[in-house]
Amino acid sequence: MEGKLAQLLPVISVIVIVLRAVDARVPAVFIFGDSTADVGNNNFLPVSRAKANFPPYGIDFVQGRATGRFSNGLNSADYLAKMMGFKRSPPPFLSLTSNTLLKHARRGINFASGGSGILETTGRRYVQVISMAKQVQYFETVRANLTAHMGTTATEKLLEKSIFLISTGSNDIFDYFTPNSSVNRPPMTAFLSTLSITYKGHLRQLYNLGARKIGVISIPPIGCCPSQRSLNDTGGCLEVLNESARAFYIATEAIMKDLSCELKGLKYSLGNAYEMVTNLFRNALKLGFTSSRVHVVELASSMENLPVFHFPPPARTAQSTCSGIYFTRRKTPLI
């Protein structure tokens, strides 16, 4: 059993260990990405159709509150923050006011937005999301506030020791394969090239704003999500999505290597979520899950073409997946 668990060392743990190796003290954590890391930013987007502020989301959170996390409890951002000594993820940027922004900025802020992606156009089917470019722009505002109150030198030192976590890319691939995009869809190689160039630009911009320790979580096997399996007549994974996820991991690996050579002082850790989740599915029973598949109950959802699924309460800790796309709190710590 211990040997099998050793094979499943969490991507999250590896990222934290690598990035903390340079300096054990992490003063702040800044989080960017999509629904895997969103802790409530989309709650403040009036017309967004990508929200998780209603039951059964949050059923296992403190007091059973639906906070906007696309999970039944804590999500990946929370566990990453906990491993760095924080109670959970820092607060969502859009929840802060001019009176509270500076206080939280010294400890970190979460900019992630469910439904968003690397490309500016990703997530338009949800009407309103915070694109990666906008998230970086929000961080620029935070940096300006810190500089105004702490001075340039102190701000630079704070950011140099802080960790920047990014979990994004899945929605870009989902959107590429939506039926509505098939008319003007570029070849996959051209799409991945555009995605890589854009991602590299976002990462370089974060570096220019002070980021020196960056943790990247790659795209998991999204073709095996229940929502995607339901589109396959055999009930199996959609391999075209998984192939794209694997291809983008290779591209991301190249991006991070290039940037680490180009940008002085940059430290990074790239977590291979695809490989880890695949191994977890293969070893689900040995890890205490009763199944790696889902028995789902469709609920009403405000998100077009994205039904919400969940388990009856007694089964949540024994099943691998909670919804059409998202992991339960039981599985999240393992990944």
C-alpha atoms as a PDB file:
ATOM      1  CA  MET A   1       0.000   0.000   0.000  1.00  0.00           C
ATOM      2  CA  GLU A   2       2.785   2.431   0.912  1.00  0.00           C
ATOM      3  CA  GLY A   3       4.523   1.668  -2.365  1.00  0.00           C
ATOM      4  CA  LYS A   4       1.394   2.479  -4.342  1.00  0.00           C
ATOM      5  CA  LEU A   5       0.887   5.722  -2.440  1.00  0.00           C
ATOM      6  CA  ALA A   6       4.470   6.665  -3.184  1.00  0.00           C
ATOM      7  CA  GLN A   7       3.652   6.416  -6.880  1.00  0.00           C
ATOM      8  CA  LEU A   8       0.819   8.880  -6.341  1.00  0.00           C
ATOM      9  CA  LEU A   9       2.739  11.685  -4.638  1.00  0.00           C
ATOM     10  CA  PRO A  10       0.472  14.672  -5.138  1.00  0.00           C
ATOM     11  CA  VAL A  11       1.233  17.203  -7.827  1.00  0.00           C
ATOM     12  CA  ILE A  12       0.338  19.831  -5.261  1.00  0.00           C
ATOM     13  CA  SER A  13       2.961  18.611  -2.773  1.00  0.00           C
ATOM     14  CA  VAL A  14       5.686  18.504  -5.407  1.00  0.00           C
ATOM     15  CA  ILE A  15       4.974  22.073  -6.480  1.00  0.00           C
ATOM     16  CA  VAL A  16       5.071  23.351  -2.914  1.00  0.00           C
ATOM     17  CA  ILE A  17       8.248  21.448  -2.005  1.00  0.00           C
ATOM     18  CA  VAL A  18      10.134  22.687  -5.066  1.00  0.00           C
ATOM     19  CA  LEU A  19       9.086  26.303  -4.717  1.00  0.00           C
ATOM     20  CA  ARG A  20       9.697  26.430  -0.970  1.00  0.00           C
ATOM     21  CA  ALA A  21      13.161  24.923  -1.303  1.00  0.00           C
ATOM     22  CA  VAL A  22      14.678  28.322  -2.034  1.00  0.00           C
ATOM     23  CA  ASP A  23      13.050  29.979   0.997  1.00  0.00           C
ATOM     24  CA  ALA A  24      10.898  28.084   3.483  1.00  0.00           C
ATOM     25  CA  ARG A  25       8.975  31.213   4.430  1.00  0.00           C
ATOM     26  CA  VAL A  26       6.156  32.092   2.028  1.00  0.00           C
ATOM     27  CA  PRO A  27       4.715  35.510   2.885  1.00  0.00           C
ATOM     28  CA  ALA A  28       1.989  35.468   0.240  1.00  0.00           C
ATOM     29  CA  VAL A  29       0.401  33.299  -2.425  1.00  0.00           C
ATOM     30  CA  PHE A  30      -1.222  34.673  -5.567  1.00  0.00           C
ATOM     31  CA  ILE A  31      -3.483  32.319  -7.508  1.00  0.00           C
ATOM     32  CA  PHE A  32      -4.595  32.483 -11.143  1.00  0.00           C
ATOM     33  CA  GLY A  33      -6.649  30.176 -13.311  1.00  0.00           C
ATOM     34  CA  ASP A  34     -10.059  28.635 -13.896  1.00  0.00           C
ATOM     35  CA  SER A  35     -12.705  26.776 -11.889  1.00  0.00           C
ATOM     36  CA  THR A  36     -10.098  24.424 -10.418  1.00  0.00           C
ATOM     37  CA  ALA A  37      -8.848  27.386  -8.385  1.00  0.00           C
ATOM     38  CA  ASP A  38     -11.779  29.853  -8.278  1.00  0.00           C
ATOM     39  CA  VAL A  39     -12.903  30.515  -4.689  1.00  0.00           C
ATOM     40  CA  GLY A  40     -15.679  32.969  -5.449  1.00  0.00           C
ATOM     41  CA  ASN A  41     -14.656  35.576  -8.010  1.00  0.00           C
ATOM     42  CA  ASN A  42     -17.469  34.583 -10.355  1.00  0.00           C
ATOM     43  CA  ASN A  43     -19.992  35.344  -7.606  1.00  0.00           C
ATOM     44  CA  PHE A  44     -19.291  39.000  -8.344  1.00  0.00           C
ATOM     45  CA  LEU A  45     -19.839  38.765 -12.094  1.00  0.00           C
ATOM     46  CA  PRO A  46     -23.504  39.774 -12.496  1.00  0.00           C
ATOM     47  CA  VAL A  47     -24.275  38.037 -15.770  1.00  0.00           C
ATOM     48  CA  SER A  48     -21.840  35.114 -15.600  1.00  0.00           C
ATOM     49  CA  ARG A  49     -23.369  31.717 -16.298  1.00  0.00           C
ATOM     50  CA  ALA A  50     -20.441  29.915 -14.689  1.00  0.00           C
ATOM     51  CA  LYS A  51     -21.236  29.998 -10.994  1.00  0.00           C
ATOM     52  CA  ALA A  52     -21.093  27.593  -8.078  1.00  0.00           C
ATOM     53  CA  ASN A  53     -22.743  29.610  -5.325  1.00  0.00           C
ATOM     54  CA  PHE A  54     -25.695  27.250  -4.916  1.00  0.00           C
ATOM     55  CA  PRO A  55     -26.196  23.714  -3.517  1.00  0.00           C
ATOM     56  CA  PRO A  56     -24.909  21.052  -3.768  1.00  0.00           C
ATOM     57  CA  TYR A  57     -21.663  22.981  -4.159  1.00  0.00           C
ATOM     58  CA  GLY A  58     -20.098  23.591  -0.756  1.00  0.00           C
ATOM     59  CA  ILE A  59     -22.114  20.882   0.975  1.00  0.00           C
ATOM     60  CA  ASP A  60     -18.976  19.760   2.842  1.00  0.00           C
ATOM     61  CA  PHE A  61     -17.559  23.248   3.330  1.00  0.00           C
ATOM     62  CA  VAL A  62     -17.776  25.040   6.680  1.00  0.00           C
ATOM     63  CA  GLN A  63     -21.484  25.249   7.607  1.00  0.00           C
ATOM     64  CA  GLY A  64     -22.315  23.684   4.237  1.00  0.00           C
ATOM     65  CA  ARG A  65     -21.871  27.022   2.458  1.00  0.00           C
ATOM     66  CA  ALA A  66     -21.701  27.294  -1.327  1.00  0.00           C
ATOM     67  CA  THR A  67     -18.862  29.808  -1.572  1.00  0.00           C
ATOM     68  CA  GLY A  68     -18.386  29.819  -5.316  1.00  0.00           C
ATOM     69  CA  ARG A  69     -15.893  26.964  -5.283  1.00  0.00           C
ATOM     70  CA  PHE A  70     -16.682  24.385  -7.953  1.00  0.00           C
ATOM     71  CA  SER A  71     -16.401  21.657  -5.349  1.00  0.00           C
ATOM     72  CA  ASN A  72     -18.320  20.069  -2.511  1.00  0.00           C
ATOM     73  CA  GLY A  73     -15.653  21.422  -0.131  1.00  0.00           C
ATOM     74  CA  LEU A  74     -12.177  22.867  -0.493  1.00  0.00           C
ATOM     75  CA  ASN A  75     -10.518  22.959  -3.906  1.00  0.00           C
ATOM     76  CA  SER A  76      -6.972  22.709  -5.232  1.00  0.00           C
ATOM     77  CA  ALA A  77      -6.192  26.344  -4.443  1.00  0.00           C
ATOM     78  CA  ASP A  78      -7.153  25.768  -0.808  1.00  0.00           C
ATOM     79  CA  TYR A  79      -4.945  22.713  -0.415  1.00  0.00           C
ATOM     80  CA  LEU A  80      -1.997  24.411  -2.057  1.00  0.00           C
ATOM     81  CA  ALA A  81      -2.373  27.346   0.331  1.00  0.00           C
ATOM     82  CA  LYS A  82      -2.748  25.019   3.329  1.00  0.00           C
ATOM     83  CA  MET A  83       0.492  23.283   2.455  1.00  0.00           C
ATOM     84  CA  MET A  84       2.212  26.653   2.605  1.00  0.00           C
ATOM     85  CA  GLY A  85       0.907  27.382   6.075  1.00  0.00           C
ATOM     86  CA  PHE A  86      -2.239  29.313   5.263  1.00  0.00           C
ATOM     87  CA  LYS A  87      -5.712  28.396   6.518  1.00  0.00           C
ATOM     88  CA  ARG A  88      -7.012  28.070   2.966  1.00  0.00           C
ATOM     89  CA  SER A  89      -6.857  29.994  -0.312  1.00  0.00           C
ATOM     90  CA  PRO A  90      -6.581  33.765  -0.050  1.00  0.00           C
ATOM     91  CA  PRO A  91      -9.838  35.629  -0.764  1.00  0.00           C
ATOM     92  CA  PRO A  92     -11.171  36.269  -4.266  1.00  0.00           C
ATOM     93  CA  PHE A  93     -10.002  39.582  -5.682  1.00  0.00           C
ATOM     94  CA  LEU A  94     -13.476  40.812  -6.548  1.00  0.00           C
ATOM     95  CA  SER A  95     -14.628  40.384  -2.943  1.00  0.00           C
ATOM     96  CA  LEU A  96     -12.162  42.998  -1.719  1.00  0.00           C
ATOM     97  CA  THR A  97     -12.802  46.705  -1.260  1.00  0.00           C
ATOM     98  CA  SER A  98     -10.420  49.640  -1.242  1.00  0.00           C
ATOM     99  CA  ASN A  99     -10.337  49.291   2.556  1.00  0.00           C
ATOM    100  CA  THR A 100      -9.446  45.579   2.602  1.00  0.00           C
ATOM    101  CA  LEU A 101      -7.307  45.177  -0.524  1.00  0.00           C
ATOM    102  CA  LEU A 102      -3.968  46.180   1.004  1.00  0.00           C
ATOM    103  CA  LYS A 103      -4.449  44.043   4.113  1.00  0.00           C
ATOM    104  CA  HIS A 104      -4.977  40.893   2.081  1.00  0.00           C
ATOM    105  CA  ALA A 105      -2.457  41.757  -0.627  1.00  0.00           C
ATOM    106  CA  ARG A 106       0.386  41.249   1.845  1.00  0.00           C
ATOM    107  CA  ARG A 107      -0.757  37.632   2.335  1.00  0.00           C
ATOM    108  CA  GLY A 108      -2.057  36.903  -1.140  1.00  0.00           C
ATOM    109  CA  ILE A 109      -5.122  37.117  -3.368  1.00  0.00           C
ATOM    110  CA  ASN A 110      -6.966  34.671  -5.617  1.00  0.00           C
ATOM    111  CA  PHE A 111      -7.762  35.924  -9.135  1.00  0.00           C
ATOM    112  CA  ALA A 112      -9.038  32.646 -10.652  1.00  0.00           C
ATOM    113  CA  SER A 113     -12.337  32.580 -12.530  1.00  0.00           C
ATOM    114  CA  GLY A 114     -14.416  29.533 -13.447  1.00  0.00           C
ATOM    115  CA  GLY A 115     -14.884  29.115 -17.193  1.00  0.00           C
ATOM    116  CA  SER A 116     -11.876  31.252 -18.087  1.00  0.00           C
ATOM    117  CA  GLY A 117      -8.801  30.248 -20.003  1.00  0.00           C
ATOM    118  CA  ILE A 118      -5.531  31.358 -21.492  1.00  0.00           C
ATOM    119  CA  LEU A 119      -7.105  32.956 -24.558  1.00  0.00           C
ATOM    120  CA  GLU A 120      -9.180  36.095 -24.290  1.00  0.00           C
ATOM    121  CA  THR A 121     -12.032  34.469 -26.216  1.00  0.00           C
ATOM    122  CA  THR A 122     -12.291  31.405 -23.992  1.00  0.00           C
ATOM    123  CA  GLY A 123     -15.407  31.186 -21.839  1.00  0.00           C
ATOM    124  CA  ARG A 124     -17.636  33.433 -23.912  1.00  0.00           C
ATOM    125  CA  ARG A 125     -20.368  30.822 -23.767  1.00  0.00           C
ATOM    126  CA  TYR A 126     -20.610  31.675 -20.069  1.00  0.00           C
ATOM    127  CA  VAL A 127     -21.165  35.329 -21.019  1.00  0.00           C
ATOM    128  CA  GLN A 128     -18.856  36.758 -18.353  1.00  0.00           C
ATOM    129  CA  VAL A 129     -15.597  35.373 -16.964  1.00  0.00           C
ATOM    130  CA  ILE A 130     -12.247  36.883 -15.968  1.00  0.00           C
ATOM    131  CA  SER A 131      -9.734  36.030 -18.668  1.00  0.00           C
ATOM    132  CA  MET A 132      -6.128  35.265 -17.797  1.00  0.00           C
ATOM    133  CA  ALA A 133      -5.076  38.610 -19.252  1.00  0.00           C
ATOM    134  CA  LYS A 134      -7.570  40.385 -16.998  1.00  0.00           C
ATOM    135  CA  GLN A 135      -6.406  38.395 -13.975  1.00  0.00           C
ATOM    136  CA  VAL A 136      -2.845  39.547 -14.611  1.00  0.00           C
ATOM    137  CA  GLN A 137      -4.149  43.100 -15.006  1.00  0.00           C
ATOM    138  CA  TYR A 138      -5.876  42.822 -11.631  1.00  0.00           C
ATOM    139  CA  PHE A 139      -2.604  41.679 -10.101  1.00  0.00           C
ATOM    140  CA  GLU A 140      -0.907  44.717 -11.615  1.00  0.00           C
ATOM    141  CA  THR A 141      -3.420  46.851  -9.708  1.00  0.00           C
ATOM    142  CA  VAL A 142      -2.568  44.983  -6.504  1.00  0.00           C
ATOM    143  CA  ARG A 143       1.143  45.504  -7.102  1.00  0.00           C
ATOM    144  CA  ALA A 144       0.597  49.216  -7.639  1.00  0.00           C
ATOM    145  CA  ASN A 145      -1.261  49.416  -4.321  1.00  0.00           C
ATOM    146  CA  LEU A 146       1.520  47.585  -2.513  1.00  0.00           C
ATOM    147  CA  THR A 147       4.151  49.847  -4.054  1.00  0.00           C
ATOM    148  CA  ALA A 148       2.242  52.958  -3.072  1.00  0.00           C
ATOM    149  CA  HIS A 149       2.087  51.872   0.580  1.00  0.00           C
ATOM    150  CA  MET A 150       5.303  49.857   1.027  1.00  0.00           C
ATOM    151  CA  GLY A 151       7.644  51.350  -1.537  1.00  0.00           C
ATOM    152  CA  THR A 152       9.255  49.693  -4.538  1.00  0.00           C
ATOM    153  CA  THR A 153      12.021  47.816  -2.721  1.00  0.00           C
ATOM    154  CA  ALA A 154       9.785  46.283  -0.032  1.00  0.00           C
ATOM    155  CA  THR A 155       7.197  45.282  -2.639  1.00  0.00           C
ATOM    156  CA  GLU A 156       9.814  43.594  -4.811  1.00  0.00           C
ATOM    157  CA  LYS A 157      11.152  41.650  -1.824  1.00  0.00           C
ATOM    158  CA  LEU A 158       7.642  40.531  -0.856  1.00  0.00           C
ATOM    159  CA  LEU A 159       6.853  39.313  -4.373  1.00  0.00           C
ATOM    160  CA  GLU A 160      10.229  37.598  -4.787  1.00  0.00           C
ATOM    161  CA  LYS A 161       9.452  35.391  -1.780  1.00  0.00           C
ATOM    162  CA  SER A 162       5.793  34.842  -2.694  1.00  0.00           C
ATOM    163  CA  ILE A 163       4.458  31.934  -4.723  1.00  0.00           C
ATOM    164  CA  PHE A 164       2.382  32.387  -7.870  1.00  0.00           C
ATOM    165  CA  LEU A 165       0.145  29.430  -8.702  1.00  0.00           C
ATOM    166  CA  ILE A 166      -1.565  28.893 -12.049  1.00  0.00           C
ATOM    167  CA  SER A 167      -4.113  26.257 -13.039  1.00  0.00           C
ATOM    168  CA  THR A 168      -5.617  26.889 -16.462  1.00  0.00           C
ATOM    169  CA  GLY A 169      -5.940  25.646 -20.048  1.00  0.00           C
ATOM    170  CA  SER A 170      -8.745  23.084 -19.856  1.00  0.00           C
ATOM    171  CA  ASN A 171     -11.448  25.498 -20.986  1.00  0.00           C
ATOM    172  CA  ASP A 172      -9.398  26.575 -23.989  1.00  0.00           C
ATOM    173  CA  ILE A 173      -9.407  22.981 -25.206  1.00  0.00           C
ATOM    174  CA  PHE A 174     -13.078  22.480 -24.320  1.00  0.00           C
ATOM    175  CA  ASP A 175     -13.967  25.593 -26.349  1.00  0.00           C
ATOM    176  CA  TYR A 176     -11.829  24.477 -29.295  1.00  0.00           C
ATOM    177  CA  PHE A 177     -13.898  21.322 -29.625  1.00  0.00           C
ATOM    178  CA  THR A 178     -17.351  22.847 -29.123  1.00  0.00           C
ATOM    179  CA  PRO A 179     -19.610  22.399 -32.176  1.00  0.00           C
ATOM    180  CA  ASN A 180     -20.036  26.155 -32.571  1.00  0.00           C
ATOM    181  CA  SER A 181     -16.305  26.604 -33.139  1.00  0.00           C
ATOM    182  CA  SER A 182     -15.982  23.989 -35.884  1.00  0.00           C
ATOM    183  CA  VAL A 183     -16.656  26.402 -38.771  1.00  0.00           C
ATOM    184  CA  ASN A 184     -13.625  28.637 -38.190  1.00  0.00           C
ATOM    185  CA  ARG A 185     -11.544  26.161 -36.208  1.00  0.00           C
ATOM    186  CA  PRO A 186      -7.806  26.291 -37.048  1.00  0.00           C
ATOM    187  CA  PRO A 187      -5.740  23.090 -37.239  1.00  0.00           C
ATOM    188  CA  MET A 188      -4.823  21.705 -33.806  1.00  0.00           C
ATOM    189  CA  THR A 189      -1.126  22.464 -34.311  1.00  0.00           C
ATOM    190  CA  ALA A 190      -1.917  26.124 -35.049  1.00  0.00           C
ATOM    191  CA  PHE A 191      -4.280  26.310 -32.075  1.00  0.00           C
ATOM    192  CA  LEU A 192      -1.702  24.866 -29.658  1.00  0.00           C
ATOM    193  CA  SER A 193       0.901  27.257 -31.028  1.00  0.00           C
ATOM    194  CA  THR A 194      -1.373  30.240 -30.372  1.00  0.00           C
ATOM    195  CA  LEU A 195      -2.224  28.896 -26.923  1.00  0.00           C
ATOM    196  CA  SER A 196       1.461  28.445 -26.072  1.00  0.00           C
ATOM    197  CA  ILE A 197       2.516  31.883 -27.302  1.00  0.00           C
ATOM    198  CA  THR A 198      -0.306  33.528 -25.360  1.00  0.00           C
ATOM    199  CA  TYR A 199       0.456  31.552 -22.191  1.00  0.00           C
ATOM    200  CA  LYS A 200       4.125  32.432 -22.408  1.00  0.00           C
ATOM    201  CA  GLY A 201       3.167  36.090 -22.699  1.00  0.00           C
ATOM    202  CA  HIS A 202       1.058  35.928 -19.525  1.00  0.00           C
ATOM    203  CA  LEU A 203       3.864  34.247 -17.610  1.00  0.00           C
ATOM    204  CA  ARG A 204       6.416  36.771 -18.809  1.00  0.00           C
ATOM    205  CA  GLN A 205       4.109  39.581 -17.756  1.00  0.00           C
ATOM    206  CA  LEU A 206       3.820  38.109 -14.252  1.00  0.00           C
ATOM    207  CA  TYR A 207       7.611  37.972 -14.089  1.00  0.00           C
ATOM    208  CA  ASN A 208       7.826  41.609 -15.152  1.00  0.00           C
ATOM    209  CA  LEU A 209       5.436  42.454 -12.325  1.00  0.00           C
ATOM    210  CA  GLY A 210       7.631  40.737  -9.749  1.00  0.00           C
ATOM    211  CA  ALA A 211       6.836  37.010  -9.794  1.00  0.00           C
ATOM    212  CA  ARG A 212       9.924  34.854  -9.265  1.00  0.00           C
ATOM    213  CA  LYS A 213       8.452  31.559  -8.020  1.00  0.00           C
ATOM    214  CA  ILE A 214       5.779  30.143 -10.293  1.00  0.00           C
ATOM    215  CA  GLY A 215       3.922  26.870  -9.864  1.00  0.00           C
ATOM    216  CA  VAL A 216       1.986  25.560 -12.870  1.00  0.00           C
ATOM    217  CA  ILE A 217      -0.587  22.786 -12.732  1.00  0.00           C
ATOM    218  CA  SER A 218      -1.062  21.177 -16.130  1.00  0.00           C
ATOM    219  CA  ILE A 219      -4.299  20.071 -17.763  1.00  0.00           C
ATOM    220  CA  PRO A 220      -5.657  16.762 -16.394  1.00  0.00           C
ATOM    221  CA  PRO A 221      -7.261  14.046 -18.585  1.00  0.00           C
ATOM    222  CA  ILE A 222     -10.320  16.189 -19.321  1.00  0.00           C
ATOM    223  CA  GLY A 223     -11.604  13.677 -21.849  1.00  0.00           C
ATOM    224  CA  CYS A 224     -12.379  11.377 -18.917  1.00  0.00           C
ATOM    225  CA  CYS A 225     -14.642  13.851 -17.113  1.00  0.00           C
ATOM    226  CA  PRO A 226     -18.174  12.436 -16.735  1.00  0.00           C
ATOM    227  CA  SER A 227     -19.580  15.312 -18.802  1.00  0.00           C
ATOM    228  CA  GLN A 228     -17.333  14.293 -21.695  1.00  0.00           C
ATOM    229  CA  ARG A 229     -17.808  10.549 -21.286  1.00  0.00           C
ATOM    230  CA  SER A 230     -21.534  11.140 -21.615  1.00  0.00           C
ATOM    231  CA  LEU A 231     -20.849  12.366 -25.176  1.00  0.00           C
ATOM    232  CA  ASN A 232     -19.151   9.097 -26.086  1.00  0.00           C
ATOM    233  CA  ASP A 233     -21.483   6.298 -27.210  1.00  0.00           C
ATOM    234  CA  THR A 234     -19.245   3.749 -25.473  1.00  0.00           C
ATOM    235  CA  GLY A 235     -19.130   5.695 -22.219  1.00  0.00           C
ATOM    236  CA  GLY A 236     -15.355   5.812 -22.466  1.00  0.00           C
ATOM    237  CA  CYS A 237     -13.046   8.806 -22.413  1.00  0.00           C
ATOM    238  CA  LEU A 238     -12.918  11.230 -25.339  1.00  0.00           C
ATOM    239  CA  GLU A 239      -9.349  10.611 -26.429  1.00  0.00           C
ATOM    240  CA  VAL A 240      -9.183  13.637 -28.695  1.00  0.00           C
ATOM    241  CA  LEU A 241      -9.426  15.841 -25.597  1.00  0.00           C
ATOM    242  CA  ASN A 242      -6.847  13.793 -23.730  1.00  0.00           C
ATOM    243  CA  GLU A 243      -4.458  13.927 -26.672  1.00  0.00           C
ATOM    244  CA  SER A 244      -4.747  17.706 -26.674  1.00  0.00           C
ATOM    245  CA  ALA A 245      -4.091  17.844 -22.930  1.00  0.00           C
ATOM    246  CA  ARG A 246      -0.958  15.716 -23.319  1.00  0.00           C
ATOM    247  CA  ALA A 247       0.256  17.821 -26.230  1.00  0.00           C
ATOM    248  CA  PHE A 248      -0.187  21.021 -24.273  1.00  0.00           C
ATOM    249  CA  TYR A 249       1.750  19.594 -21.328  1.00  0.00           C
ATOM    250  CA  ILE A 250       4.723  19.091 -23.641  1.00  0.00           C
ATOM    251  CA  ALA A 251       4.288  22.660 -24.913  1.00  0.00           C
ATOM    252  CA  THR A 252       4.048  24.018 -21.365  1.00  0.00           C
ATOM    253  CA  GLU A 253       7.195  22.126 -20.375  1.00  0.00           C
ATOM    254  CA  ALA A 254       9.043  23.824 -23.226  1.00  0.00           C
ATOM    255  CA  ILE A 255       7.624  27.229 -22.275  1.00  0.00           C
ATOM    256  CA  MET A 256       8.813  26.956 -18.674  1.00  0.00           C
ATOM    257  CA  LYS A 257      12.288  25.774 -19.695  1.00  0.00           C
ATOM    258  CA  ASP A 258      12.623  28.670 -22.142  1.00  0.00           C
ATOM    259  CA  LEU A 259      11.473  31.245 -19.611  1.00  0.00           C
ATOM    260  CA  SER A 260      13.742  29.914 -16.860  1.00  0.00           C
ATOM    261  CA  CYS A 261      16.724  30.392 -19.190  1.00  0.00           C
ATOM    262  CA  GLU A 262      15.545  33.785 -20.388  1.00  0.00           C
ATOM    263  CA  LEU A 263      14.382  35.392 -17.148  1.00  0.00           C
ATOM    264  CA  LYS A 264      16.931  35.864 -14.389  1.00  0.00           C
ATOM    265  CA  GLY A 265      15.952  34.492 -10.999  1.00  0.00           C
ATOM    266  CA  LEU A 266      12.848  32.632 -12.174  1.00  0.00           C
ATOM    267  CA  LYS A 267      12.123  29.391 -10.297  1.00  0.00           C
ATOM    268  CA  TYR A 268       9.300  27.147 -11.407  1.00  0.00           C
ATOM    269  CA  SER A 269       7.602  23.831 -10.783  1.00  0.00           C
ATOM    270  CA  LEU A 270       5.381  22.132 -13.358  1.00  0.00           C
ATOM    271  CA  GLY A 271       2.935  19.596 -11.954  1.00  0.00           C
ATOM    272  CA  ASN A 272       1.886  16.866 -14.386  1.00  0.00           C
ATOM    273  CA  ALA A 273      -1.779  16.617 -13.393  1.00  0.00           C
ATOM    274  CA  TYR A 274      -2.527  14.411 -16.391  1.00  0.00           C
ATOM    275  CA  GLU A 275      -0.190  11.623 -15.339  1.00  0.00           C
ATOM    276  CA  MET A 276      -1.129  11.888 -11.686  1.00  0.00           C
ATOM    277  CA  VAL A 277      -4.893  11.746 -12.268  1.00  0.00           C
ATOM    278  CA  THR A 278      -4.478   8.859 -14.704  1.00  0.00           C
ATOM    279  CA  ASN A 279      -2.552   6.919 -12.060  1.00  0.00           C
ATOM    280  CA  LEU A 280      -5.162   7.793  -9.472  1.00  0.00           C
ATOM    281  CA  PHE A 281      -7.965   6.395 -11.629  1.00  0.00           C
ATOM    282  CA  ARG A 282      -5.967   3.206 -12.143  1.00  0.00           C
ATOM    283  CA  ASN A 283      -5.428   2.825  -8.396  1.00  0.00           C
ATOM    284  CA  ALA A 284      -8.764   4.167  -7.178  1.00  0.00           C
ATOM    285  CA  LEU A 285      -9.800   1.039  -5.285  1.00  0.00           C
ATOM    286  CA  LYS A 286      -6.421   0.730  -3.542  1.00  0.00           C
ATOM    287  CA  LEU A 287      -6.753   4.330  -2.367  1.00  0.00           C
ATOM    288  CA  GLY A 288     -10.088   3.631  -0.707  1.00  0.00           C
ATOM    289  CA  PHE A 289     -12.529   4.710  -3.419  1.00  0.00           C
ATOM    290  CA  THR A 290     -15.397   2.404  -4.258  1.00  0.00           C
ATOM    291  CA  SER A 291     -15.400   3.480  -7.878  1.00  0.00           C
ATOM    292  CA  SER A 292     -13.536   5.668 -10.342  1.00  0.00           C
ATOM    293  CA  ARG A 293     -16.721   6.196 -12.341  1.00  0.00           C
ATOM    294  CA  VAL A 294     -19.772   8.172 -11.352  1.00  0.00           C
ATOM    295  CA  HIS A 295     -23.436   7.514 -10.797  1.00  0.00           C
ATOM    296  CA  VAL A 296     -24.804  10.927 -11.500  1.00  0.00           C
ATOM    297  CA  VAL A 297     -27.953  12.844 -10.822  1.00  0.00           C
ATOM    298  CA  GLU A 298     -28.497  15.787 -13.123  1.00  0.00           C
ATOM    299  CA  LEU A 299     -29.540  18.986 -11.426  1.00  0.00           C
ATOM    300  CA  ALA A 300     -30.805  22.252 -12.799  1.00  0.00           C
ATOM    301  CA  SER A 301     -27.913  24.497 -13.811  1.00  0.00           C
ATOM    302  CA  SER A 302     -27.515  28.081 -14.905  1.00  0.00           C
ATOM    303  CA  MET A 303     -24.709  27.064 -17.263  1.00  0.00           C
ATOM    304  CA  GLU A 304     -25.765  26.235 -20.796  1.00  0.00           C
ATOM    305  CA  ASN A 305     -24.680  22.775 -21.963  1.00  0.00           C
ATOM    306  CA  LEU A 306     -22.907  22.168 -18.663  1.00  0.00           C
ATOM    307  CA  PRO A 307     -25.177  20.120 -16.398  1.00  0.00           C
ATOM    308  CA  VAL A 308     -24.212  19.849 -12.761  1.00  0.00           C
ATOM    309  CA  PHE A 309     -23.887  16.361 -11.303  1.00  0.00           C
ATOM    310  CA  HIS A 310     -23.469  15.222  -7.723  1.00  0.00           C
ATOM    311  CA  PHE A 311     -23.566  12.208  -5.476  1.00  0.00           C
ATOM    312  CA  PRO A 312     -26.028  11.508  -2.696  1.00  0.00           C
ATOM    313  CA  PRO A 313     -24.279  12.612   0.555  1.00  0.00           C
ATOM    314  CA  PRO A 314     -23.302   9.133   1.851  1.00  0.00           C
ATOM    315  CA  ALA A 315     -21.336   8.304  -1.293  1.00  0.00           C
ATOM    316  CA  ARG A 316     -19.258  11.462  -1.668  1.00  0.00           C
ATOM    317  CA  THR A 317     -16.143  10.286   0.169  1.00  0.00           C
ATOM    318  CA  ALA A 318     -16.111   6.931  -1.568  1.00  0.00           C
ATOM    319  CA  GLN A 319     -16.450   8.109  -5.150  1.00  0.00           C
ATOM    320  CA  SER A 320     -13.700   9.613  -7.275  1.00  0.00           C
ATOM    321  CA  THR A 321     -15.636  12.378  -8.922  1.00  0.00           C
ATOM    322  CA  CYS A 322     -18.373  14.727  -7.774  1.00  0.00           C
ATOM    323  CA  SER A 323     -19.570  16.533 -10.851  1.00  0.00           C
ATOM    324  CA  GLY A 324     -19.456  16.602 -14.603  1.00  0.00           C
ATOM    325  CA  ILE A 325     -16.002  18.154 -14.488  1.00  0.00           C
ATOM    326  CA  TYR A 326     -14.849  18.768 -10.912  1.00  0.00           C
ATOM    327  CA  PHE A 327     -13.271  16.581  -8.257  1.00  0.00           C
ATOM    328  CA  THR A 328     -14.694  16.081  -4.801  1.00  0.00           C
ATOM    329  CA  ARG A 329     -12.924  17.253  -1.692  1.00  0.00           C
ATOM    330  CA  ARG A 330     -12.070  13.581  -0.975  1.00  0.00           C
ATOM    331  CA  LYS A 331      -9.949  13.369  -4.093  1.00  0.00           C
ATOM    332  CA  THR A 332      -8.511  16.878  -4.236  1.00  0.00           C
ATOM    333  CA  PRO A 333      -5.879  16.410  -1.511  1.00  0.00           C
ATOM    334  CA  LEU A 334      -4.520  13.415  -3.389  1.00  0.00           C
ATOM    335  CA  ILE A 335      -3.940  15.449  -6.529  1.00  0.00           C
END
